[in-house]
Amino acid sequence: TESFGQRVRDRRQQLELTQSALADVVGVNRRVIGELERGKPSVQLSIALRVAEAVGLDVALHERGR
């Protein structure tokens, strides 16, 4: 399965957005987008959710093992 960061990168590329352009939309540094796409755990959840919204991805939480 794809990671969250991979899904964001794929969607960003489908939308023909650069990391810099997406960072501008979300209001963060381009480096943050790169870290998120590479799966770095240092990205705040609130920022990850804003990025997902900006590229049109829904985020859902599910109980583990069910």
C-alpha atoms as a PDB file:
ATOM      1  CA  THR A   1       0.000   0.000   0.000  1.00  0.00           C
ATOM      2  CA  GLU A   2       1.072   3.549  -0.620  1.00  0.00           C
ATOM      3  CA  SER A   3       2.063   5.768   2.268  1.00  0.00           C
ATOM      4  CA  PHE A   4       0.338   9.066   2.970  1.00  0.00           C
ATOM      5  CA  GLY A   5       3.341  10.931   1.575  1.00  0.00           C
ATOM      6  CA  GLN A   6       3.317   8.900  -1.637  1.00  0.00           C
ATOM      7  CA  ARG A   7      -0.394   9.584  -2.104  1.00  0.00           C
ATOM      8  CA  VAL A   8       0.169  13.311  -1.608  1.00  0.00           C
ATOM      9  CA  ARG A   9       3.062  13.323  -4.109  1.00  0.00           C
ATOM     10  CA  ASP A  10       1.057  11.367  -6.699  1.00  0.00           C
ATOM     11  CA  ARG A  11      -1.922  13.696  -6.340  1.00  0.00           C
ATOM     12  CA  ARG A  12       0.264  16.825  -6.421  1.00  0.00           C
ATOM     13  CA  GLN A  13       1.845  15.606  -9.647  1.00  0.00           C
ATOM     14  CA  GLN A  14      -1.573  14.792 -11.146  1.00  0.00           C
ATOM     15  CA  LEU A  15      -2.553  18.388 -10.424  1.00  0.00           C
ATOM     16  CA  GLU A  16       0.726  19.546 -12.027  1.00  0.00           C
ATOM     17  CA  LEU A  17       1.770  21.411  -8.889  1.00  0.00           C
ATOM     18  CA  THR A  18       5.362  21.838  -7.801  1.00  0.00           C
ATOM     19  CA  GLN A  19       6.283  21.355  -4.164  1.00  0.00           C
ATOM     20  CA  SER A  20       6.796  25.125  -3.978  1.00  0.00           C
ATOM     21  CA  ALA A  21       3.356  25.874  -5.402  1.00  0.00           C
ATOM     22  CA  LEU A  22       1.671  23.484  -2.970  1.00  0.00           C
ATOM     23  CA  ALA A  23       3.679  24.951  -0.098  1.00  0.00           C
ATOM     24  CA  ASP A  24       2.442  28.433  -1.055  1.00  0.00           C
ATOM     25  CA  VAL A  25      -1.186  27.240  -1.073  1.00  0.00           C
ATOM     26  CA  VAL A  26      -0.818  25.613   2.345  1.00  0.00           C
ATOM     27  CA  GLY A  27       1.318  28.408   3.819  1.00  0.00           C
ATOM     28  CA  VAL A  28       4.431  26.390   4.654  1.00  0.00           C
ATOM     29  CA  ASN A  29       8.021  26.142   3.455  1.00  0.00           C
ATOM     30  CA  ARG A  30       8.675  23.880   0.448  1.00  0.00           C
ATOM     31  CA  ARG A  31      10.932  21.773   2.658  1.00  0.00           C
ATOM     32  CA  VAL A  32       7.886  20.742   4.726  1.00  0.00           C
ATOM     33  CA  ILE A  33       6.158  19.355   1.622  1.00  0.00           C
ATOM     34  CA  GLY A  34       9.280  17.372   0.729  1.00  0.00           C
ATOM     35  CA  GLU A  35       9.529  15.963   4.245  1.00  0.00           C
ATOM     36  CA  LEU A  36       5.869  14.967   4.237  1.00  0.00           C
ATOM     37  CA  GLU A  37       6.210  13.250   0.853  1.00  0.00           C
ATOM     38  CA  ARG A  38       9.253  11.332   2.114  1.00  0.00           C
ATOM     39  CA  GLY A  39       7.348  10.191   5.211  1.00  0.00           C
ATOM     40  CA  LYS A  40       9.294  12.178   7.786  1.00  0.00           C
ATOM     41  CA  PRO A  41       7.518  11.993  11.155  1.00  0.00           C
ATOM     42  CA  SER A  42       8.371  15.611  12.029  1.00  0.00           C
ATOM     43  CA  VAL A  43       5.467  17.087  10.016  1.00  0.00           C
ATOM     44  CA  GLN A  44       2.626  18.247  12.267  1.00  0.00           C
ATOM     45  CA  LEU A  45      -0.727  16.521  11.809  1.00  0.00           C
ATOM     46  CA  SER A  46      -2.487  19.858  11.279  1.00  0.00           C
ATOM     47  CA  ILE A  47      -0.155  20.642   8.365  1.00  0.00           C
ATOM     48  CA  ALA A  48      -0.562  17.157   6.884  1.00  0.00           C
ATOM     49  CA  LEU A  49      -4.345  17.614   6.978  1.00  0.00           C
ATOM     50  CA  ARG A  50      -4.100  21.029   5.275  1.00  0.00           C
ATOM     51  CA  VAL A  51      -1.901  19.518   2.554  1.00  0.00           C
ATOM     52  CA  ALA A  52      -4.377  16.668   2.023  1.00  0.00           C
ATOM     53  CA  GLU A  53      -7.236  19.145   1.713  1.00  0.00           C
ATOM     54  CA  ALA A  54      -5.266  21.306  -0.729  1.00  0.00           C
ATOM     55  CA  VAL A  55      -4.741  18.375  -3.116  1.00  0.00           C
ATOM     56  CA  GLY A  56      -8.260  16.979  -2.709  1.00  0.00           C
ATOM     57  CA  LEU A  57      -7.525  13.930  -0.560  1.00  0.00           C
ATOM     58  CA  ASP A  58      -9.803  12.711   2.233  1.00  0.00           C
ATOM     59  CA  VAL A  59      -8.239  11.439   5.436  1.00  0.00           C
ATOM     60  CA  ALA A  60     -10.044   8.736   7.411  1.00  0.00           C
ATOM     61  CA  LEU A  61      -9.205   7.105  10.727  1.00  0.00           C
ATOM     62  CA  HIS A  62      -9.954   3.443  11.345  1.00  0.00           C
ATOM     63  CA  GLU A  63      -9.493   1.199  14.354  1.00  0.00           C
ATOM     64  CA  ARG A  64      -6.554  -1.137  13.985  1.00  0.00           C
ATOM     65  CA  GLY A  65      -7.241  -4.822  13.467  1.00  0.00           C
ATOM     66  CA  ARG A  66     -10.887  -4.434  12.539  1.00  0.00           C
END
